[in-house]
Full PDB file with SEQRES, HELIX, SHEET, SSBOND, CRYST1, ORIGX, SCALE, CONECT and MASTER records, all heavy atoms in Angstrom:
SEQRES   1 A   36  HIS ALA VAL GLY GLY ARG ALA VAL GLU ILE ARG ALA PHE          
SEQRES   2 A   36  SER PRO ASP VAL HIS VAL ALA LEU ALA GLY SER VAL GLU          
SEQRES   3 A   36  LEU ALA MET GLU LEU GLY VAL ALA SER ASP                      
HELIX    1 AA1 ARG A    6  ALA A   12  1                                   7    
HELIX    2 AA2 VAL A   17  GLU A   30  1                                  14    
CRYST1    1.000    1.000    1.000  90.00  90.00  90.00 P 1           1          
ORIGX1      1.000000  0.000000  0.000000        0.00000                         
ORIGX2      0.000000  1.000000  0.000000        0.00000                         
ORIGX3      0.000000  0.000000  1.000000        0.00000                         
SCALE1      1.000000  0.000000  0.000000        0.00000                         
SCALE2      0.000000  1.000000  0.000000        0.00000                         
SCALE3      0.000000  0.000000  1.000000        0.00000                         
ATOM      1  N   HIS A   1       1.053  -3.718  10.835  1.00  0.00           N  
ATOM      2  CA  HIS A   1       1.931  -3.512   9.685  1.00  0.00           C  
ATOM      3  C   HIS A   1       2.701  -2.199   9.796  1.00  0.00           C  
ATOM      4  O   HIS A   1       3.850  -2.120   9.371  1.00  0.00           O  
ATOM      5  CB  HIS A   1       1.093  -3.515   8.404  1.00  0.00           C  
ATOM      6  CG  HIS A   1       1.866  -3.172   7.185  1.00  0.00           C  
ATOM      7  ND1 HIS A   1       2.669  -4.078   6.547  1.00  0.00           N  
ATOM      8  CD2 HIS A   1       1.987  -2.016   6.501  1.00  0.00           C  
ATOM      9  CE1 HIS A   1       3.234  -3.492   5.510  1.00  0.00           C  
ATOM     10  NE2 HIS A   1       2.832  -2.242   5.458  1.00  0.00           N  
ATOM     11  N   ALA A   2       2.095  -1.199  10.375  1.00  0.00           N  
ATOM     12  CA  ALA A   2       2.700   0.134  10.442  1.00  0.00           C  
ATOM     13  C   ALA A   2       4.017   0.126  11.200  1.00  0.00           C  
ATOM     14  O   ALA A   2       4.884   0.950  10.934  1.00  0.00           O  
ATOM     15  CB  ALA A   2       1.724   1.124  11.079  1.00  0.00           C  
ATOM     16  N   VAL A   3       4.186  -0.828  12.097  1.00  0.00           N  
ATOM     17  CA  VAL A   3       5.420  -0.884  12.875  1.00  0.00           C  
ATOM     18  C   VAL A   3       6.612  -1.204  11.982  1.00  0.00           C  
ATOM     19  O   VAL A   3       7.647  -0.580  12.079  1.00  0.00           O  
ATOM     20  CB  VAL A   3       5.286  -1.944  14.001  1.00  0.00           C  
ATOM     21  CG1 VAL A   3       6.599  -2.132  14.724  1.00  0.00           C  
ATOM     22  CG2 VAL A   3       4.189  -1.536  14.969  1.00  0.00           C  
ATOM     23  N   GLY A   4       6.456  -2.143  11.040  1.00  0.00           N  
ATOM     24  CA  GLY A   4       7.600  -2.559  10.244  1.00  0.00           C  
ATOM     25  C   GLY A   4       7.504  -2.264   8.762  1.00  0.00           C  
ATOM     26  O   GLY A   4       8.474  -2.442   8.047  1.00  0.00           O  
ATOM     27  N   GLY A   5       6.381  -1.819   8.265  1.00  0.00           N  
ATOM     28  CA  GLY A   5       6.213  -1.665   6.828  1.00  0.00           C  
ATOM     29  C   GLY A   5       5.858  -0.270   6.380  1.00  0.00           C  
ATOM     30  O   GLY A   5       5.001  -0.090   5.536  1.00  0.00           O  
ATOM     31  N   ARG A   6       6.528   0.711   6.888  1.00  0.00           N  
ATOM     32  CA  ARG A   6       6.192   2.104   6.570  1.00  0.00           C  
ATOM     33  C   ARG A   6       6.380   2.444   5.097  1.00  0.00           C  
ATOM     34  O   ARG A   6       5.659   3.270   4.567  1.00  0.00           O  
ATOM     35  CB  ARG A   6       7.030   3.060   7.416  1.00  0.00           C  
ATOM     36  CG  ARG A   6       6.754   2.997   8.894  1.00  0.00           C  
ATOM     37  CD  ARG A   6       5.421   3.519   9.262  1.00  0.00           C  
ATOM     38  NE  ARG A   6       5.392   4.955   9.123  1.00  0.00           N  
ATOM     39  CZ  ARG A   6       4.313   5.684   9.232  1.00  0.00           C  
ATOM     40  NH1 ARG A   6       3.169   5.113   9.483  1.00  0.00           N  
ATOM     41  NH2 ARG A   6       4.345   6.974   9.083  1.00  0.00           N  
ATOM     42  N   ALA A   7       7.315   1.818   4.401  1.00  0.00           N  
ATOM     43  CA  ALA A   7       7.568   2.159   2.999  1.00  0.00           C  
ATOM     44  C   ALA A   7       6.342   1.896   2.142  1.00  0.00           C  
ATOM     45  O   ALA A   7       5.959   2.727   1.314  1.00  0.00           O  
ATOM     46  CB  ALA A   7       8.770   1.387   2.468  1.00  0.00           C  
ATOM     47  N   VAL A   8       5.701   0.760   2.345  1.00  0.00           N  
ATOM     48  CA  VAL A   8       4.496   0.431   1.578  1.00  0.00           C  
ATOM     49  C   VAL A   8       3.385   1.408   1.928  1.00  0.00           C  
ATOM     50  O   VAL A   8       2.678   1.905   1.053  1.00  0.00           O  
ATOM     51  CB  VAL A   8       4.038  -1.015   1.847  1.00  0.00           C  
ATOM     52  CG1 VAL A   8       2.697  -1.291   1.204  1.00  0.00           C  
ATOM     53  CG2 VAL A   8       5.078  -2.002   1.350  1.00  0.00           C  
ATOM     54  N   GLU A   9       3.236   1.698   3.190  1.00  0.00           N  
ATOM     55  CA  GLU A   9       2.201   2.636   3.626  1.00  0.00           C  
ATOM     56  C   GLU A   9       2.433   4.024   3.031  1.00  0.00           C  
ATOM     57  O   GLU A   9       1.497   4.679   2.574  1.00  0.00           O  
ATOM     58  CB  GLU A   9       2.189   2.708   5.153  1.00  0.00           C  
ATOM     59  CG  GLU A   9       1.076   3.555   5.707  1.00  0.00           C  
ATOM     60  CD  GLU A   9       1.069   3.596   7.218  1.00  0.00           C  
ATOM     61  OE1 GLU A   9       1.679   2.726   7.849  1.00  0.00           O  
ATOM     62  OE2 GLU A   9       0.455   4.513   7.757  1.00  0.00           O  
ATOM     63  N   ILE A  10       3.666   4.454   3.000  1.00  0.00           N  
ATOM     64  CA  ILE A  10       3.987   5.770   2.439  1.00  0.00           C  
ATOM     65  C   ILE A  10       3.633   5.809   0.953  1.00  0.00           C  
ATOM     66  O   ILE A  10       3.035   6.773   0.472  1.00  0.00           O  
ATOM     67  CB  ILE A  10       5.474   6.113   2.677  1.00  0.00           C  
ATOM     68  CG1 ILE A  10       5.696   6.403   4.166  1.00  0.00           C  
ATOM     69  CG2 ILE A  10       5.915   7.288   1.820  1.00  0.00           C  
ATOM     70  CD1 ILE A  10       7.146   6.473   4.589  1.00  0.00           C  
ATOM     71  N   ARG A  11       3.962   4.744   0.212  1.00  0.00           N  
ATOM     72  CA  ARG A  11       3.602   4.696  -1.209  1.00  0.00           C  
ATOM     73  C   ARG A  11       2.095   4.708  -1.395  1.00  0.00           C  
ATOM     74  O   ARG A  11       1.580   5.338  -2.315  1.00  0.00           O  
ATOM     75  CB  ARG A  11       4.204   3.454  -1.874  1.00  0.00           C  
ATOM     76  CG  ARG A  11       5.677   3.582  -2.150  1.00  0.00           C  
ATOM     77  CD  ARG A  11       6.180   2.485  -3.059  1.00  0.00           C  
ATOM     78  NE  ARG A  11       5.984   1.146  -2.558  1.00  0.00           N  
ATOM     79  CZ  ARG A  11       6.763   0.497  -1.711  1.00  0.00           C  
ATOM     80  NH1 ARG A  11       7.832   1.099  -1.224  1.00  0.00           N  
ATOM     81  NH2 ARG A  11       6.509  -0.731  -1.333  1.00  0.00           N  
ATOM     82  N   ALA A  12       1.367   4.022  -0.545  1.00  0.00           N  
ATOM     83  CA  ALA A  12      -0.088   3.943  -0.681  1.00  0.00           C  
ATOM     84  C   ALA A  12      -0.756   5.306  -0.523  1.00  0.00           C  
ATOM     85  O   ALA A  12      -1.856   5.516  -1.033  1.00  0.00           O  
ATOM     86  CB  ALA A  12      -0.660   2.959   0.337  1.00  0.00           C  
ATOM     87  N   PHE A  13      -0.101   6.232   0.160  1.00  0.00           N  
ATOM     88  CA  PHE A  13      -0.677   7.559   0.383  1.00  0.00           C  
ATOM     89  C   PHE A  13       0.132   8.657  -0.292  1.00  0.00           C  
ATOM     90  O   PHE A  13       0.083   9.814   0.104  1.00  0.00           O  
ATOM     91  CB  PHE A  13      -0.828   7.813   1.886  1.00  0.00           C  
ATOM     92  CG  PHE A  13      -1.757   6.837   2.538  1.00  0.00           C  
ATOM     93  CD1 PHE A  13      -1.276   5.752   3.250  1.00  0.00           C  
ATOM     94  CD2 PHE A  13      -3.132   6.974   2.392  1.00  0.00           C  
ATOM     95  CE1 PHE A  13      -2.142   4.831   3.827  1.00  0.00           C  
ATOM     96  CE2 PHE A  13      -4.000   6.053   2.956  1.00  0.00           C  
ATOM     97  CZ  PHE A  13      -3.503   4.986   3.680  1.00  0.00           C  
ATOM     98  N   SER A  14       0.857   8.284  -1.338  1.00  0.00           N  
ATOM     99  CA  SER A  14       1.669   9.242  -2.090  1.00  0.00           C  
ATOM    100  C   SER A  14       0.784  10.245  -2.826  1.00  0.00           C  
ATOM    101  O   SER A  14      -0.310   9.908  -3.286  1.00  0.00           O  
ATOM    102  CB  SER A  14       2.515   8.487  -3.119  1.00  0.00           C  
ATOM    103  OG  SER A  14       3.142   9.375  -4.005  1.00  0.00           O  
ATOM    104  N   PRO A  15       1.254  11.486  -2.987  1.00  0.00           N  
ATOM    105  CA  PRO A  15       0.494  12.458  -3.783  1.00  0.00           C  
ATOM    106  C   PRO A  15       0.518  12.129  -5.278  1.00  0.00           C  
ATOM    107  O   PRO A  15      -0.329  12.601  -6.029  1.00  0.00           O  
ATOM    108  CB  PRO A  15       1.190  13.793  -3.502  1.00  0.00           C  
ATOM    109  CG  PRO A  15       2.514  13.442  -2.933  1.00  0.00           C  
ATOM    110  CD  PRO A  15       2.401  12.076  -2.329  1.00  0.00           C  
ATOM    111  N   ASP A  16       1.467  11.289  -5.717  1.00  0.00           N  
ATOM    112  CA  ASP A  16       1.519  10.839  -7.104  1.00  0.00           C  
ATOM    113  C   ASP A  16       0.494   9.712  -7.263  1.00  0.00           C  
ATOM    114  O   ASP A  16       0.634   8.646  -6.675  1.00  0.00           O  
ATOM    115  CB  ASP A  16       2.920  10.329  -7.434  1.00  0.00           C  
ATOM    116  CG  ASP A  16       3.070   9.842  -8.857  1.00  0.00           C  
ATOM    117  OD1 ASP A  16       2.119   9.224  -9.400  1.00  0.00           O  
ATOM    118  OD2 ASP A  16       4.144  10.058  -9.442  1.00  0.00           O  
ATOM    119  N   VAL A  17      -0.537   9.942  -8.039  1.00  0.00           N  
ATOM    120  CA  VAL A  17      -1.655   9.004  -8.132  1.00  0.00           C  
ATOM    121  C   VAL A  17      -1.219   7.618  -8.596  1.00  0.00           C  
ATOM    122  O   VAL A  17      -1.735   6.614  -8.118  1.00  0.00           O  
ATOM    123  CB  VAL A  17      -2.794   9.572  -9.010  1.00  0.00           C  
ATOM    124  CG1 VAL A  17      -2.396   9.644 -10.470  1.00  0.00           C  
ATOM    125  CG2 VAL A  17      -4.061   8.753  -8.852  1.00  0.00           C  
ATOM    126  N   HIS A  18      -0.265   7.537  -9.495  1.00  0.00           N  
ATOM    127  CA  HIS A  18       0.196   6.236  -9.984  1.00  0.00           C  
ATOM    128  C   HIS A  18       0.932   5.459  -8.892  1.00  0.00           C  
ATOM    129  O   HIS A  18       0.726   4.255  -8.733  1.00  0.00           O  
ATOM    130  CB  HIS A  18       1.082   6.413 -11.219  1.00  0.00           C  
ATOM    131  CG  HIS A  18       0.361   7.062 -12.353  1.00  0.00           C  
ATOM    132  ND1 HIS A  18      -0.610   6.416 -13.087  1.00  0.00           N  
ATOM    133  CD2 HIS A  18       0.443   8.307 -12.859  1.00  0.00           C  
ATOM    134  CE1 HIS A  18      -1.085   7.234 -14.003  1.00  0.00           C  
ATOM    135  NE2 HIS A  18      -0.468   8.398 -13.884  1.00  0.00           N  
ATOM    136  N   VAL A  19       1.762   6.149  -8.143  1.00  0.00           N  
ATOM    137  CA  VAL A  19       2.468   5.534  -7.025  1.00  0.00           C  
ATOM    138  C   VAL A  19       1.465   5.111  -5.948  1.00  0.00           C  
ATOM    139  O   VAL A  19       1.553   4.011  -5.389  1.00  0.00           O  
ATOM    140  CB  VAL A  19       3.531   6.494  -6.436  1.00  0.00           C  
ATOM    141  CG1 VAL A  19       4.143   5.935  -5.155  1.00  0.00           C  
ATOM    142  CG2 VAL A  19       4.606   6.786  -7.471  1.00  0.00           C  
ATOM    143  N   ALA A  20       0.495   5.976  -5.675  1.00  0.00           N  
ATOM    144  CA  ALA A  20      -0.506   5.683  -4.646  1.00  0.00           C  
ATOM    145  C   ALA A  20      -1.354   4.467  -5.015  1.00  0.00           C  
ATOM    146  O   ALA A  20      -1.640   3.627  -4.158  1.00  0.00           O  
ATOM    147  CB  ALA A  20      -1.401   6.892  -4.417  1.00  0.00           C  
ATOM    148  N   LEU A  21      -1.753   4.364  -6.277  1.00  0.00           N  
ATOM    149  CA  LEU A  21      -2.554   3.215  -6.697  1.00  0.00           C  
ATOM    150  C   LEU A  21      -1.771   1.916  -6.550  1.00  0.00           C  
ATOM    151  O   LEU A  21      -2.274   0.933  -6.006  1.00  0.00           O  
ATOM    152  CB  LEU A  21      -3.042   3.388  -8.129  1.00  0.00           C  
ATOM    153  CG  LEU A  21      -4.126   4.432  -8.329  1.00  0.00           C  
ATOM    154  CD1 LEU A  21      -4.385   4.650  -9.811  1.00  0.00           C  
ATOM    155  CD2 LEU A  21      -5.400   4.037  -7.614  1.00  0.00           C  
ATOM    156  N   ALA A  22      -0.535   1.912  -7.016  1.00  0.00           N  
ATOM    157  CA  ALA A  22       0.296   0.712  -6.891  1.00  0.00           C  
ATOM    158  C   ALA A  22       0.559   0.394  -5.418  1.00  0.00           C  
ATOM    159  O   ALA A  22       0.488  -0.769  -4.998  1.00  0.00           O  
ATOM    160  CB  ALA A  22       1.611   0.899  -7.640  1.00  0.00           C  
ATOM    161  N   GLY A  23       0.844   1.417  -4.624  1.00  0.00           N  
ATOM    162  CA  GLY A  23       1.085   1.217  -3.202  1.00  0.00           C  
ATOM    163  C   GLY A  23      -0.143   0.720  -2.467  1.00  0.00           C  
ATOM    164  O   GLY A  23      -0.043  -0.109  -1.557  1.00  0.00           O  
ATOM    165  N   SER A  24      -1.316   1.193  -2.860  1.00  0.00           N  
ATOM    166  CA  SER A  24      -2.564   0.747  -2.230  1.00  0.00           C  
ATOM    167  C   SER A  24      -2.828  -0.727  -2.508  1.00  0.00           C  
ATOM    168  O   SER A  24      -3.253  -1.465  -1.624  1.00  0.00           O  
ATOM    169  CB  SER A  24      -3.738   1.584  -2.731  1.00  0.00           C  
ATOM    170  OG  SER A  24      -3.601   2.911  -2.304  1.00  0.00           O  
ATOM    171  N   VAL A  25      -2.561  -1.140  -3.737  1.00  0.00           N  
ATOM    172  CA  VAL A  25      -2.730  -2.552  -4.092  1.00  0.00           C  
ATOM    173  C   VAL A  25      -1.752  -3.400  -3.295  1.00  0.00           C  
ATOM    174  O   VAL A  25      -2.124  -4.421  -2.708  1.00  0.00           O  
ATOM    175  CB  VAL A  25      -2.539  -2.773  -5.612  1.00  0.00           C  
ATOM    176  CG1 VAL A  25      -2.419  -4.249  -5.942  1.00  0.00           C  
ATOM    177  CG2 VAL A  25      -3.679  -2.131  -6.386  1.00  0.00           C  
ATOM    178  N   GLU A  26      -0.505  -2.964  -3.232  1.00  0.00           N  
ATOM    179  CA  GLU A  26       0.517  -3.694  -2.483  1.00  0.00           C  
ATOM    180  C   GLU A  26       0.164  -3.778  -1.001  1.00  0.00           C  
ATOM    181  O   GLU A  26       0.275  -4.837  -0.373  1.00  0.00           O  
ATOM    182  CB  GLU A  26       1.867  -3.009  -2.668  1.00  0.00           C  
ATOM    183  CG  GLU A  26       3.026  -3.742  -2.065  1.00  0.00           C  
ATOM    184  CD  GLU A  26       4.356  -3.046  -2.299  1.00  0.00           C  
ATOM    185  OE1 GLU A  26       4.412  -2.040  -3.030  1.00  0.00           O  
ATOM    186  OE2 GLU A  26       5.354  -3.511  -1.724  1.00  0.00           O  
ATOM    187  N   LEU A  27      -0.297  -2.678  -0.439  1.00  0.00           N  
ATOM    188  CA  LEU A  27      -0.684  -2.651   0.978  1.00  0.00           C  
ATOM    189  C   LEU A  27      -1.860  -3.582   1.239  1.00  0.00           C  
ATOM    190  O   LEU A  27      -1.850  -4.350   2.199  1.00  0.00           O  
ATOM    191  CB  LEU A  27      -1.027  -1.218   1.399  1.00  0.00           C  
ATOM    192  CG  LEU A  27      -1.431  -1.018   2.847  1.00  0.00           C  
ATOM    193  CD1 LEU A  27      -0.311  -1.440   3.796  1.00  0.00           C  
ATOM    194  CD2 LEU A  27      -1.814   0.440   3.093  1.00  0.00           C  
ATOM    195  N   ALA A  28      -2.857  -3.542   0.372  1.00  0.00           N  
ATOM    196  CA  ALA A  28      -4.020  -4.425   0.539  1.00  0.00           C  
ATOM    197  C   ALA A  28      -3.597  -5.890   0.505  1.00  0.00           C  
ATOM    198  O   ALA A  28      -4.066  -6.703   1.311  1.00  0.00           O  
ATOM    199  CB  ALA A  28      -5.050  -4.139  -0.555  1.00  0.00           C  
ATOM    200  N   MET A  29      -2.703  -6.226  -0.408  1.00  0.00           N  
ATOM    201  CA  MET A  29      -2.227  -7.610  -0.498  1.00  0.00           C  
ATOM    202  C   MET A  29      -1.484  -8.014   0.770  1.00  0.00           C  
ATOM    203  O   MET A  29      -1.699  -9.102   1.295  1.00  0.00           O  
ATOM    204  CB  MET A  29      -1.340  -7.774  -1.729  1.00  0.00           C  
ATOM    205  CG  MET A  29      -2.112  -7.648  -3.035  1.00  0.00           C  
ATOM    206  SD  MET A  29      -1.079  -7.513  -4.511  1.00  0.00           S  
ATOM    207  CE  MET A  29      -0.209  -9.055  -4.492  1.00  0.00           C  
ATOM    208  N   GLU A  30      -0.623  -7.129   1.270  1.00  0.00           N  
ATOM    209  CA  GLU A  30       0.127  -7.428   2.492  1.00  0.00           C  
ATOM    210  C   GLU A  30      -0.782  -7.577   3.705  1.00  0.00           C  
ATOM    211  O   GLU A  30      -0.474  -8.316   4.629  1.00  0.00           O  
ATOM    212  CB  GLU A  30       1.173  -6.356   2.751  1.00  0.00           C  
ATOM    213  CG  GLU A  30       2.355  -6.453   1.823  1.00  0.00           C  
ATOM    214  CD  GLU A  30       3.510  -5.599   2.283  1.00  0.00           C  
ATOM    215  OE1 GLU A  30       3.548  -5.190   3.460  1.00  0.00           O  
ATOM    216  OE2 GLU A  30       4.383  -5.341   1.443  1.00  0.00           O  
ATOM    217  N   LEU A  31      -1.906  -6.863   3.688  1.00  0.00           N  
ATOM    218  CA  LEU A  31      -2.833  -6.925   4.823  1.00  0.00           C  
ATOM    219  C   LEU A  31      -3.792  -8.103   4.720  1.00  0.00           C  
ATOM    220  O   LEU A  31      -4.605  -8.319   5.604  1.00  0.00           O  
ATOM    221  CB  LEU A  31      -3.614  -5.615   4.930  1.00  0.00           C  
ATOM    222  CG  LEU A  31      -2.771  -4.405   5.306  1.00  0.00           C  
ATOM    223  CD1 LEU A  31      -3.617  -3.140   5.245  1.00  0.00           C  
ATOM    224  CD2 LEU A  31      -2.170  -4.576   6.692  1.00  0.00           C  
ATOM    225  N   GLY A  32      -3.715  -8.846   3.614  1.00  0.00           N  
ATOM    226  CA  GLY A  32      -4.530 -10.044   3.483  1.00  0.00           C  
ATOM    227  C   GLY A  32      -5.909  -9.818   2.900  1.00  0.00           C  
ATOM    228  O   GLY A  32      -6.793 -10.655   3.048  1.00  0.00           O  
ATOM    229  N   VAL A  33      -6.111  -8.702   2.219  1.00  0.00           N  
ATOM    230  CA  VAL A  33      -7.395  -8.461   1.555  1.00  0.00           C  
ATOM    231  C   VAL A  33      -7.530  -9.469   0.426  1.00  0.00           C  
ATOM    232  O   VAL A  33      -6.573  -9.735  -0.308  1.00  0.00           O  
ATOM    233  CB  VAL A  33      -7.456  -7.010   1.000  1.00  0.00           C  
ATOM    234  CG1 VAL A  33      -8.733  -6.780   0.221  1.00  0.00           C  
ATOM    235  CG2 VAL A  33      -7.322  -6.007   2.131  1.00  0.00           C  
ATOM    236  N   ALA A  34      -8.710 -10.049   0.286  1.00  0.00           N  
ATOM    237  CA  ALA A  34      -8.956 -11.034  -0.764  1.00  0.00           C  
ATOM    238  C   ALA A  34      -8.701 -10.405  -2.130  1.00  0.00           C  
ATOM    239  O   ALA A  34      -9.087  -9.261  -2.377  1.00  0.00           O  
ATOM    240  CB  ALA A  34     -10.389 -11.547  -0.683  1.00  0.00           C  
ATOM    241  N   SER A  35      -8.051 -11.155  -3.018  1.00  0.00           N  
ATOM    242  CA  SER A  35      -7.666 -10.598  -4.318  1.00  0.00           C  
ATOM    243  C   SER A  35      -8.859 -10.106  -5.126  1.00  0.00           C  
ATOM    244  O   SER A  35      -8.736  -9.143  -5.888  1.00  0.00           O  
ATOM    245  CB  SER A  35      -6.864 -11.613  -5.124  1.00  0.00           C  
ATOM    246  OG  SER A  35      -7.644 -12.753  -5.388  1.00  0.00           O  
ATOM    247  N   ASP A  36     -10.024 -10.722  -4.959  1.00  0.00           N  
ATOM    248  CA  ASP A  36     -11.196 -10.275  -5.710  1.00  0.00           C  
ATOM    249  C   ASP A  36     -11.767  -8.964  -5.163  1.00  0.00           C  
ATOM    250  O   ASP A  36     -12.600  -8.337  -5.802  1.00  0.00           O  
ATOM    251  CB  ASP A  36     -12.270 -11.356  -5.759  1.00  0.00           C  
ATOM    252  CG  ASP A  36     -12.802 -11.740  -4.397  1.00  0.00           C  
ATOM    253  OD1 ASP A  36     -12.029 -11.697  -3.417  1.00  0.00           O  
ATOM    254  OD2 ASP A  36     -13.983 -12.090  -4.305  1.00  0.00           O  
TER     255      ASP A  36                                                      
MASTER        0    0    0    2    0    0    0    6  254    1    0    3          
END                                                                             
């Protein structure tokens, strides 16, 4: 994913906790983590 999806990865590790939480959820979904 890192090759083509840097924007999501950057949000997932943002210093803004709200952005990071949303980005982490988005990244997990893109990586195929089970929704539960």
